Amino acid sequence: MQIWGPRFSAYVVPTRDVAPFTLGRMPDEIEDRRKFEDLARRLDGFLKGQRVRFGDLQRPLRLSHPNYVRYATTTGRVRIRWDGARQPMIWMTPAVKIEPEAARLELARRYLHVFGPGTASSFVNWAGIAPASGRATFTSLARSLTPVRTPIGDAWILTKDEPAVRVSPQAEAAVRLLPSGDPYFLLQGGDRELLIPDAIRRRALWTPRVWPGAVLVDGEIAGTWRRAAGTVTIQTWRRLTRAQRDAVEAEAASLPLPDICGHVVVRWDD
């Protein structure tokens, strides 16, 4: 299922997991909740079971800005279909039967499992919620958390994840072309410095606009990549061996790209 998830970015999640990524970001303030729930009711009344293009909602719903409709996603009822190029299609589903606070606890568990070690502050930045909500969530999870020390400060992991965290990391493959926004580098603040110490390279990966993909070589990010039709452009940050370059080209050739004719062409921008 496609939804507007944390920070109203487009997410693809299993249908059973919609609630944490939508309702889990519902504000605690009663006035805001009423606004978003009212917006969802108005949207549902206008759609009447139909799927409507995103750009066709502002005028009939009398919204001050078209993006305001995204706040309705925090009710757990909004679904989208977006191919990355055109405006998404919007429709409604029945309400999710779970309280926002319970959904947020599960969202925090998901965050720590994938991005941990983490803190209440880093969770707030990732989820796009109020700081007070993030702190309250971590307080509620306290009994299921284990404190850890990291190169950028103290943080937390889920206690059940400790055995996995203690295992020595091993690269699953020599090379991977990670897509834009991949969870491996979907980071904020100091976490970015931990992954990419060099400031110039951080700016190349986390750009003000659409991020490029990351070239992962032997478990370390060694450059970026972008695609235009059937051409994949690789920009490396260090010299790669012939075997590593061959592995990058093989990875690019294996990309599931239904919109191209012929073979993928790799262009090196060293």
C-alpha atoms as a PDB file:
ATOM      1  CA  MET A   1       0.000   0.000   0.000  1.00  0.00           C
ATOM      2  CA  GLN A   2       1.256   3.486  -0.831  1.00  0.00           C
ATOM      3  CA  ILE A   3       0.818   6.201   1.791  1.00  0.00           C
ATOM      4  CA  TRP A   4       2.223   9.529   2.852  1.00  0.00           C
ATOM      5  CA  GLY A   5       4.481   8.407   5.681  1.00  0.00           C
ATOM      6  CA  PRO A   6       6.970  10.201   7.954  1.00  0.00           C
ATOM      7  CA  ARG A   7       7.494  13.825   6.881  1.00  0.00           C
ATOM      8  CA  PHE A   8       4.753  13.201   4.299  1.00  0.00           C
ATOM      9  CA  SER A   9       7.112  11.363   1.980  1.00  0.00           C
ATOM     10  CA  ALA A  10       5.704   8.586  -0.204  1.00  0.00           C
ATOM     11  CA  TYR A  11       6.078   5.206   1.510  1.00  0.00           C
ATOM     12  CA  VAL A  12       5.218   1.682   0.396  1.00  0.00           C
ATOM     13  CA  VAL A  13       4.240  -0.526   3.342  1.00  0.00           C
ATOM     14  CA  PRO A  14       2.302  -3.756   3.868  1.00  0.00           C
ATOM     15  CA  THR A  15      -1.401  -3.033   4.350  1.00  0.00           C
ATOM     16  CA  ARG A  16      -1.276  -4.396   7.904  1.00  0.00           C
ATOM     17  CA  ASP A  17       1.444  -1.831   8.750  1.00  0.00           C
ATOM     18  CA  VAL A  18      -0.350   1.327   7.618  1.00  0.00           C
ATOM     19  CA  ALA A  19      -1.356   2.489  11.119  1.00  0.00           C
ATOM     20  CA  PRO A  20       2.133   3.143  12.602  1.00  0.00           C
ATOM     21  CA  PHE A  21       3.243   5.174   9.592  1.00  0.00           C
ATOM     22  CA  THR A  22       0.071   7.292   9.409  1.00  0.00           C
ATOM     23  CA  LEU A  23      -1.971   7.359  12.603  1.00  0.00           C
ATOM     24  CA  GLY A  24       1.273   7.085  14.571  1.00  0.00           C
ATOM     25  CA  ARG A  25       2.055  10.659  13.515  1.00  0.00           C
ATOM     26  CA  MET A  26      -1.255  12.134  14.623  1.00  0.00           C
ATOM     27  CA  PRO A  27      -0.556  15.193  16.844  1.00  0.00           C
ATOM     28  CA  ASP A  28      -1.361  15.033  20.549  1.00  0.00           C
ATOM     29  CA  GLU A  29      -2.987  18.476  20.530  1.00  0.00           C
ATOM     30  CA  ILE A  30      -6.782  18.099  20.519  1.00  0.00           C
ATOM     31  CA  GLU A  31      -7.319  21.097  18.240  1.00  0.00           C
ATOM     32  CA  ASP A  32      -4.933  19.751  15.604  1.00  0.00           C
ATOM     33  CA  ARG A  33      -6.507  16.302  15.784  1.00  0.00           C
ATOM     34  CA  ARG A  34      -9.939  17.781  15.200  1.00  0.00           C
ATOM     35  CA  LYS A  35      -8.655  19.745  12.197  1.00  0.00           C
ATOM     36  CA  PHE A  36      -7.110  16.693  10.568  1.00  0.00           C
ATOM     37  CA  GLU A  37     -10.090  14.447  11.328  1.00  0.00           C
ATOM     38  CA  ASP A  38     -12.440  17.094   9.932  1.00  0.00           C
ATOM     39  CA  LEU A  39     -10.273  17.331   6.824  1.00  0.00           C
ATOM     40  CA  ALA A  40     -10.486  13.550   6.381  1.00  0.00           C
ATOM     41  CA  ARG A  41     -14.291  13.674   6.687  1.00  0.00           C
ATOM     42  CA  ARG A  42     -14.513  16.464   4.097  1.00  0.00           C
ATOM     43  CA  LEU A  43     -12.187  14.564   1.789  1.00  0.00           C
ATOM     44  CA  ASP A  44     -14.232  11.395   2.181  1.00  0.00           C
ATOM     45  CA  GLY A  45     -17.451  13.303   1.496  1.00  0.00           C
ATOM     46  CA  PHE A  46     -16.023  14.778  -1.684  1.00  0.00           C
ATOM     47  CA  LEU A  47     -14.459  11.584  -3.026  1.00  0.00           C
ATOM     48  CA  LYS A  48     -17.492   9.370  -2.333  1.00  0.00           C
ATOM     49  CA  GLY A  49     -15.500   6.213  -2.963  1.00  0.00           C
ATOM     50  CA  GLN A  50     -13.776   7.563  -6.066  1.00  0.00           C
ATOM     51  CA  ARG A  51     -10.089   8.041  -6.832  1.00  0.00           C
ATOM     52  CA  VAL A  52      -9.231  11.659  -7.604  1.00  0.00           C
ATOM     53  CA  ARG A  53      -6.038  13.344  -8.741  1.00  0.00           C
ATOM     54  CA  PHE A  54      -4.155  15.256  -6.032  1.00  0.00           C
ATOM     55  CA  GLY A  55      -4.305  18.549  -7.934  1.00  0.00           C
ATOM     56  CA  ASP A  56      -8.106  18.413  -8.187  1.00  0.00           C
ATOM     57  CA  LEU A  57      -8.700  18.639  -4.428  1.00  0.00           C
ATOM     58  CA  GLN A  58      -7.645  22.143  -3.420  1.00  0.00           C
ATOM     59  CA  ARG A  59     -10.533  24.104  -4.916  1.00  0.00           C
ATOM     60  CA  PRO A  60     -13.498  21.889  -3.923  1.00  0.00           C
ATOM     61  CA  LEU A  61     -12.129  21.440  -0.389  1.00  0.00           C
ATOM     62  CA  ARG A  62     -11.246  25.159  -0.147  1.00  0.00           C
ATOM     63  CA  LEU A  63      -7.705  24.469   0.998  1.00  0.00           C
ATOM     64  CA  SER A  64      -5.258  27.339   1.446  1.00  0.00           C
ATOM     65  CA  HIS A  65      -2.531  25.158  -0.121  1.00  0.00           C
ATOM     66  CA  PRO A  66      -2.831  21.873  -2.059  1.00  0.00           C
ATOM     67  CA  ASN A  67      -0.328  20.138   0.250  1.00  0.00           C
ATOM     68  CA  TYR A  68      -2.667  20.704   3.202  1.00  0.00           C
ATOM     69  CA  VAL A  69      -4.613  17.618   2.146  1.00  0.00           C
ATOM     70  CA  ARG A  70      -1.631  15.517   3.257  1.00  0.00           C
ATOM     71  CA  TYR A  71      -2.468  16.182   6.906  1.00  0.00           C
ATOM     72  CA  ALA A  72      -5.482  13.919   6.501  1.00  0.00           C
ATOM     73  CA  THR A  73      -3.098  10.979   6.177  1.00  0.00           C
ATOM     74  CA  THR A  74      -2.507  11.126   9.954  1.00  0.00           C
ATOM     75  CA  THR A  75      -6.017   9.700  10.417  1.00  0.00           C
ATOM     76  CA  GLY A  76      -4.890   6.484   8.742  1.00  0.00           C
ATOM     77  CA  ARG A  77      -7.612   6.720   6.101  1.00  0.00           C
ATOM     78  CA  VAL A  78      -5.842   8.225   3.069  1.00  0.00           C
ATOM     79  CA  ARG A  79      -4.259   6.057   0.388  1.00  0.00           C
ATOM     80  CA  ILE A  80      -2.291   7.166  -2.641  1.00  0.00           C
ATOM     81  CA  ARG A  81      -1.026   5.779  -5.914  1.00  0.00           C
ATOM     82  CA  TRP A  82       2.052   7.586  -7.221  1.00  0.00           C
ATOM     83  CA  ASP A  83       4.433   6.533  -9.981  1.00  0.00           C
ATOM     84  CA  GLY A  84       7.034   9.177  -9.173  1.00  0.00           C
ATOM     85  CA  ALA A  85       6.357  11.356 -12.198  1.00  0.00           C
ATOM     86  CA  ARG A  86       2.735  12.501 -12.211  1.00  0.00           C
ATOM     87  CA  GLN A  87       0.414  13.685  -9.471  1.00  0.00           C
ATOM     88  CA  PRO A  88      -0.718  10.905  -7.124  1.00  0.00           C
ATOM     89  CA  MET A  89      -4.254   9.562  -7.134  1.00  0.00           C
ATOM     90  CA  ILE A  90      -6.041   9.844  -3.776  1.00  0.00           C
ATOM     91  CA  TRP A  91      -8.757   7.744  -2.178  1.00  0.00           C
ATOM     92  CA  MET A  92     -10.121   6.907   1.271  1.00  0.00           C
ATOM     93  CA  THR A  93     -10.478   3.727   3.323  1.00  0.00           C
ATOM     94  CA  PRO A  94     -12.286   2.958   6.612  1.00  0.00           C
ATOM     95  CA  ALA A  95     -10.740   4.196   9.857  1.00  0.00           C
ATOM     96  CA  VAL A  96      -7.924   2.164  11.415  1.00  0.00           C
ATOM     97  CA  LYS A  97      -8.977   0.546  14.711  1.00  0.00           C
ATOM     98  CA  ILE A  98      -6.048   1.523  16.908  1.00  0.00           C
ATOM     99  CA  GLU A  99      -5.308   4.504  19.140  1.00  0.00           C
ATOM    100  CA  PRO A 100      -2.733   7.046  17.872  1.00  0.00           C
ATOM    101  CA  GLU A 101      -0.548   6.575  20.958  1.00  0.00           C
ATOM    102  CA  ALA A 102      -0.329   2.817  20.394  1.00  0.00           C
ATOM    103  CA  ALA A 103       0.449   3.370  16.716  1.00  0.00           C
ATOM    104  CA  ARG A 104       3.233   5.812  17.644  1.00  0.00           C
ATOM    105  CA  LEU A 105       4.804   3.312  20.036  1.00  0.00           C
ATOM    106  CA  GLU A 106       4.954   0.799  17.199  1.00  0.00           C
ATOM    107  CA  LEU A 107       6.379   3.448  14.877  1.00  0.00           C
ATOM    108  CA  ALA A 108       9.162   4.115  17.403  1.00  0.00           C
ATOM    109  CA  ARG A 109       9.887   0.385  17.650  1.00  0.00           C
ATOM    110  CA  ARG A 110      10.172   0.193  13.861  1.00  0.00           C
ATOM    111  CA  TYR A 111      12.459   3.225  13.874  1.00  0.00           C
ATOM    112  CA  LEU A 112      14.809   1.808  16.493  1.00  0.00           C
ATOM    113  CA  HIS A 113      14.870  -1.621  14.853  1.00  0.00           C
ATOM    114  CA  VAL A 114      15.947  -0.194  11.487  1.00  0.00           C
ATOM    115  CA  PHE A 115      17.832   2.995  12.387  1.00  0.00           C
ATOM    116  CA  GLY A 116      18.944   2.358  15.957  1.00  0.00           C
ATOM    117  CA  PRO A 117      20.786   3.282  18.060  1.00  0.00           C
ATOM    118  CA  GLY A 118      18.526   6.290  18.290  1.00  0.00           C
ATOM    119  CA  THR A 119      17.225   8.953  20.626  1.00  0.00           C
ATOM    120  CA  ALA A 120      13.913  10.686  21.161  1.00  0.00           C
ATOM    121  CA  SER A 121      15.302  13.646  19.236  1.00  0.00           C
ATOM    122  CA  SER A 122      16.409  11.585  16.244  1.00  0.00           C
ATOM    123  CA  PHE A 123      13.026   9.827  16.218  1.00  0.00           C
ATOM    124  CA  VAL A 124      11.276  13.214  16.196  1.00  0.00           C
ATOM    125  CA  ASN A 125      13.380  14.401  13.255  1.00  0.00           C
ATOM    126  CA  TRP A 126      12.719  11.241  11.260  1.00  0.00           C
ATOM    127  CA  ALA A 127       8.998  10.978  11.975  1.00  0.00           C
ATOM    128  CA  GLY A 128       8.241  14.696  11.727  1.00  0.00           C
ATOM    129  CA  ILE A 129       6.341  14.853  15.019  1.00  0.00           C
ATOM    130  CA  ALA A 130       6.399  17.247  17.992  1.00  0.00           C
ATOM    131  CA  PRO A 131       9.384  16.916  20.377  1.00  0.00           C
ATOM    132  CA  ALA A 132       7.063  16.395  23.358  1.00  0.00           C
ATOM    133  CA  SER A 133       5.394  13.478  21.580  1.00  0.00           C
ATOM    134  CA  GLY A 134       8.756  11.889  20.856  1.00  0.00           C
ATOM    135  CA  ARG A 135       9.920  12.218  24.453  1.00  0.00           C
ATOM    136  CA  ALA A 136       6.666  10.776  25.788  1.00  0.00           C
ATOM    137  CA  THR A 137       6.949   7.825  23.409  1.00  0.00           C
ATOM    138  CA  PHE A 138      10.488   6.980  24.515  1.00  0.00           C
ATOM    139  CA  THR A 139       9.421   7.278  28.154  1.00  0.00           C
ATOM    140  CA  SER A 140       6.647   4.762  27.526  1.00  0.00           C
ATOM    141  CA  LEU A 141       9.119   2.399  25.851  1.00  0.00           C
ATOM    142  CA  ALA A 142      11.732   2.711  28.609  1.00  0.00           C
ATOM    143  CA  ARG A 143      11.354  -0.843  29.935  1.00  0.00           C
ATOM    144  CA  SER A 144      11.997  -2.330  26.494  1.00  0.00           C
ATOM    145  CA  LEU A 145      15.085  -0.225  25.718  1.00  0.00           C
ATOM    146  CA  THR A 146      18.790  -0.740  26.383  1.00  0.00           C
ATOM    147  CA  PRO A 147      21.197   2.236  26.619  1.00  0.00           C
ATOM    148  CA  VAL A 148      24.234   2.225  24.340  1.00  0.00           C
ATOM    149  CA  ARG A 149      27.208   4.501  23.791  1.00  0.00           C
ATOM    150  CA  THR A 150      28.017   5.604  20.233  1.00  0.00           C
ATOM    151  CA  PRO A 151      30.723   7.822  18.668  1.00  0.00           C
ATOM    152  CA  ILE A 152      28.160  10.651  18.515  1.00  0.00           C
ATOM    153  CA  GLY A 153      26.674  10.252  21.995  1.00  0.00           C
ATOM    154  CA  ASP A 154      24.434   8.079  24.153  1.00  0.00           C
ATOM    155  CA  ALA A 155      21.406   6.482  22.539  1.00  0.00           C
ATOM    156  CA  TRP A 156      19.013   3.536  22.790  1.00  0.00           C
ATOM    157  CA  ILE A 157      18.271   0.252  21.071  1.00  0.00           C
ATOM    158  CA  LEU A 158      15.439  -2.212  21.538  1.00  0.00           C
ATOM    159  CA  THR A 159      16.549  -4.724  24.148  1.00  0.00           C
ATOM    160  CA  LYS A 160      15.454  -7.584  21.903  1.00  0.00           C
ATOM    161  CA  ASP A 161      17.813  -6.295  19.198  1.00  0.00           C
ATOM    162  CA  GLU A 162      20.952  -6.427  21.376  1.00  0.00           C
ATOM    163  CA  PRO A 163      22.127  -9.847  20.107  1.00  0.00           C
ATOM    164  CA  ALA A 164      21.899  -8.657  16.511  1.00  0.00           C
ATOM    165  CA  VAL A 165      23.694  -5.391  17.300  1.00  0.00           C
ATOM    166  CA  ARG A 166      26.607  -7.297  18.861  1.00  0.00           C
ATOM    167  CA  VAL A 167      27.167  -9.446  15.776  1.00  0.00           C
ATOM    168  CA  SER A 168      30.137  -8.329  13.676  1.00  0.00           C
ATOM    169  CA  PRO A 169      28.835  -6.726  10.458  1.00  0.00           C
ATOM    170  CA  GLN A 170      29.360  -8.583   7.208  1.00  0.00           C
ATOM    171  CA  ALA A 171      28.714  -7.268   3.712  1.00  0.00           C
ATOM    172  CA  GLU A 172      25.938  -9.256   2.009  1.00  0.00           C
ATOM    173  CA  ALA A 173      27.387  -8.420  -1.411  1.00  0.00           C
ATOM    174  CA  ALA A 174      30.502  -6.755  -2.780  1.00  0.00           C
ATOM    175  CA  VAL A 175      28.452  -3.974  -4.395  1.00  0.00           C
ATOM    176  CA  ARG A 176      24.973  -2.533  -4.025  1.00  0.00           C
ATOM    177  CA  LEU A 177      23.355   0.429  -5.761  1.00  0.00           C
ATOM    178  CA  LEU A 178      21.142   1.810  -2.998  1.00  0.00           C
ATOM    179  CA  PRO A 179      18.173   3.838  -4.304  1.00  0.00           C
ATOM    180  CA  SER A 180      17.459   7.428  -3.348  1.00  0.00           C
ATOM    181  CA  GLY A 181      16.035   7.511   0.173  1.00  0.00           C
ATOM    182  CA  ASP A 182      17.155   3.989   1.057  1.00  0.00           C
ATOM    183  CA  PRO A 183      16.899   3.420   4.842  1.00  0.00           C
ATOM    184  CA  TYR A 184      20.663   2.844   5.020  1.00  0.00           C
ATOM    185  CA  PHE A 185      21.288   6.567   4.554  1.00  0.00           C
ATOM    186  CA  LEU A 186      17.882   8.039   5.428  1.00  0.00           C
ATOM    187  CA  LEU A 187      19.537   9.938   8.286  1.00  0.00           C
ATOM    188  CA  GLN A 188      19.515  13.368   9.905  1.00  0.00           C
ATOM    189  CA  GLY A 189      21.958  15.483  11.933  1.00  0.00           C
ATOM    190  CA  GLY A 190      24.919  13.790  13.566  1.00  0.00           C
ATOM    191  CA  ASP A 191      23.961  10.390  12.186  1.00  0.00           C
ATOM    192  CA  ARG A 192      24.988  11.662   8.748  1.00  0.00           C
ATOM    193  CA  GLU A 193      28.417  12.617  10.080  1.00  0.00           C
ATOM    194  CA  LEU A 194      28.835   9.130  11.490  1.00  0.00           C
ATOM    195  CA  LEU A 195      28.114   7.530   8.104  1.00  0.00           C
ATOM    196  CA  ILE A 196      29.969  10.092   5.920  1.00  0.00           C
ATOM    197  CA  PRO A 197      32.670  12.009   7.886  1.00  0.00           C
ATOM    198  CA  ASP A 198      33.647  14.220   4.923  1.00  0.00           C
ATOM    199  CA  ALA A 199      31.418  17.319   4.679  1.00  0.00           C
ATOM    200  CA  ILE A 200      31.829  17.697   0.902  1.00  0.00           C
ATOM    201  CA  ARG A 201      30.730  14.124   0.314  1.00  0.00           C
ATOM    202  CA  ARG A 202      27.769  14.561   2.667  1.00  0.00           C
ATOM    203  CA  ARG A 203      26.582  17.458   0.534  1.00  0.00           C
ATOM    204  CA  ALA A 204      26.923  15.295  -2.583  1.00  0.00           C
ATOM    205  CA  LEU A 205      24.749  12.550  -1.086  1.00  0.00           C
ATOM    206  CA  TRP A 206      22.200  14.617   0.844  1.00  0.00           C
ATOM    207  CA  THR A 207      21.434  17.353  -1.660  1.00  0.00           C
ATOM    208  CA  PRO A 208      18.789  20.104  -1.222  1.00  0.00           C
ATOM    209  CA  ARG A 209      16.736  18.468  -3.992  1.00  0.00           C
ATOM    210  CA  VAL A 210      16.162  14.818  -4.904  1.00  0.00           C
ATOM    211  CA  TRP A 211      18.952  12.717  -3.435  1.00  0.00           C
ATOM    212  CA  PRO A 212      21.042  10.515  -5.707  1.00  0.00           C
ATOM    213  CA  GLY A 213      21.439   6.846  -4.983  1.00  0.00           C
ATOM    214  CA  ALA A 214      24.451   5.599  -2.998  1.00  0.00           C
ATOM    215  CA  VAL A 215      27.121   3.239  -4.325  1.00  0.00           C
ATOM    216  CA  LEU A 216      27.918   0.750  -1.556  1.00  0.00           C
ATOM    217  CA  VAL A 217      31.241  -1.065  -2.058  1.00  0.00           C
ATOM    218  CA  ASP A 218      32.390  -3.643   0.499  1.00  0.00           C
ATOM    219  CA  GLY A 219      30.055  -2.146   3.098  1.00  0.00           C
ATOM    220  CA  GLU A 220      31.154   1.488   2.640  1.00  0.00           C
ATOM    221  CA  ILE A 221      29.550   4.260   0.574  1.00  0.00           C
ATOM    222  CA  ALA A 222      32.035   4.949  -2.225  1.00  0.00           C
ATOM    223  CA  GLY A 223      30.048   7.349  -4.411  1.00  0.00           C
ATOM    224  CA  THR A 224      26.657   8.237  -5.838  1.00  0.00           C
ATOM    225  CA  TRP A 225      24.593   7.233  -8.846  1.00  0.00           C
ATOM    226  CA  ARG A 226      21.737   8.587 -10.912  1.00  0.00           C
ATOM    227  CA  ARG A 227      19.727   7.211 -13.810  1.00  0.00           C
ATOM    228  CA  ALA A 228      18.328   8.857 -16.922  1.00  0.00           C
ATOM    229  CA  ALA A 229      16.360   6.342 -19.016  1.00  0.00           C
ATOM    230  CA  GLY A 230      18.772   3.470 -19.698  1.00  0.00           C
ATOM    231  CA  THR A 231      21.953   5.319 -18.638  1.00  0.00           C
ATOM    232  CA  VAL A 232      23.270   4.951 -15.086  1.00  0.00           C
ATOM    233  CA  THR A 233      25.893   7.549 -14.144  1.00  0.00           C
ATOM    234  CA  ILE A 234      28.302   6.575 -11.373  1.00  0.00           C
ATOM    235  CA  GLN A 235      30.297   9.241  -9.530  1.00  0.00           C
ATOM    236  CA  THR A 236      32.987   7.680  -7.356  1.00  0.00           C
ATOM    237  CA  TRP A 237      34.706   9.176  -4.326  1.00  0.00           C
ATOM    238  CA  ARG A 238      37.759   6.951  -4.523  1.00  0.00           C
ATOM    239  CA  ARG A 239      39.521   4.747  -7.038  1.00  0.00           C
ATOM    240  CA  LEU A 240      37.834   1.385  -7.488  1.00  0.00           C
ATOM    241  CA  THR A 241      39.577  -1.769  -8.615  1.00  0.00           C
ATOM    242  CA  ARG A 242      38.722  -3.336 -11.943  1.00  0.00           C
ATOM    243  CA  ALA A 243      36.832  -6.100 -10.124  1.00  0.00           C
ATOM    244  CA  GLN A 244      34.814  -3.536  -8.158  1.00  0.00           C
ATOM    245  CA  ARG A 245      33.948  -1.577 -11.301  1.00  0.00           C
ATOM    246  CA  ASP A 246      32.847  -4.780 -12.993  1.00  0.00           C
ATOM    247  CA  ALA A 247      30.669  -5.562  -9.977  1.00  0.00           C
ATOM    248  CA  VAL A 248      29.089  -2.081 -10.129  1.00  0.00           C
ATOM    249  CA  GLU A 249      28.288  -2.545 -13.828  1.00  0.00           C
ATOM    250  CA  ALA A 250      26.797  -5.978 -13.156  1.00  0.00           C
ATOM    251  CA  GLU A 251      24.639  -4.523 -10.388  1.00  0.00           C
ATOM    252  CA  ALA A 252      23.433  -1.762 -12.725  1.00  0.00           C
ATOM    253  CA  ALA A 253      22.618  -4.299 -15.430  1.00  0.00           C
ATOM    254  CA  SER A 254      20.453  -6.235 -12.953  1.00  0.00           C
ATOM    255  CA  LEU A 255      18.233  -3.245 -12.072  1.00  0.00           C
ATOM    256  CA  PRO A 256      14.539  -3.969 -12.814  1.00  0.00           C
ATOM    257  CA  LEU A 257      13.879  -1.128 -15.259  1.00  0.00           C
ATOM    258  CA  PRO A 258      10.719  -1.810 -17.296  1.00  0.00           C
ATOM    259  CA  ASP A 259      10.835   1.563 -19.072  1.00  0.00           C
ATOM    260  CA  ILE A 260      13.981   1.024 -21.126  1.00  0.00           C
ATOM    261  CA  CYS A 261      14.792  -0.745 -24.375  1.00  0.00           C
ATOM    262  CA  GLY A 262      18.025  -2.681 -24.652  1.00  0.00           C
ATOM    263  CA  HIS A 263      20.813  -2.907 -22.086  1.00  0.00           C
ATOM    264  CA  VAL A 264      21.636  -0.533 -19.252  1.00  0.00           C
ATOM    265  CA  VAL A 265      24.597   1.698 -20.086  1.00  0.00           C
ATOM    266  CA  VAL A 266      26.959   2.683 -17.258  1.00  0.00           C
ATOM    267  CA  ARG A 267      28.741   6.029 -17.520  1.00  0.00           C
ATOM    268  CA  TRP A 268      31.614   6.665 -15.094  1.00  0.00           C
ATOM    269  CA  ASP A 269      32.099  10.195 -13.747  1.00  0.00           C
ATOM    270  CA  ASP A 270      35.345   9.734 -11.794  1.00  0.00           C
END
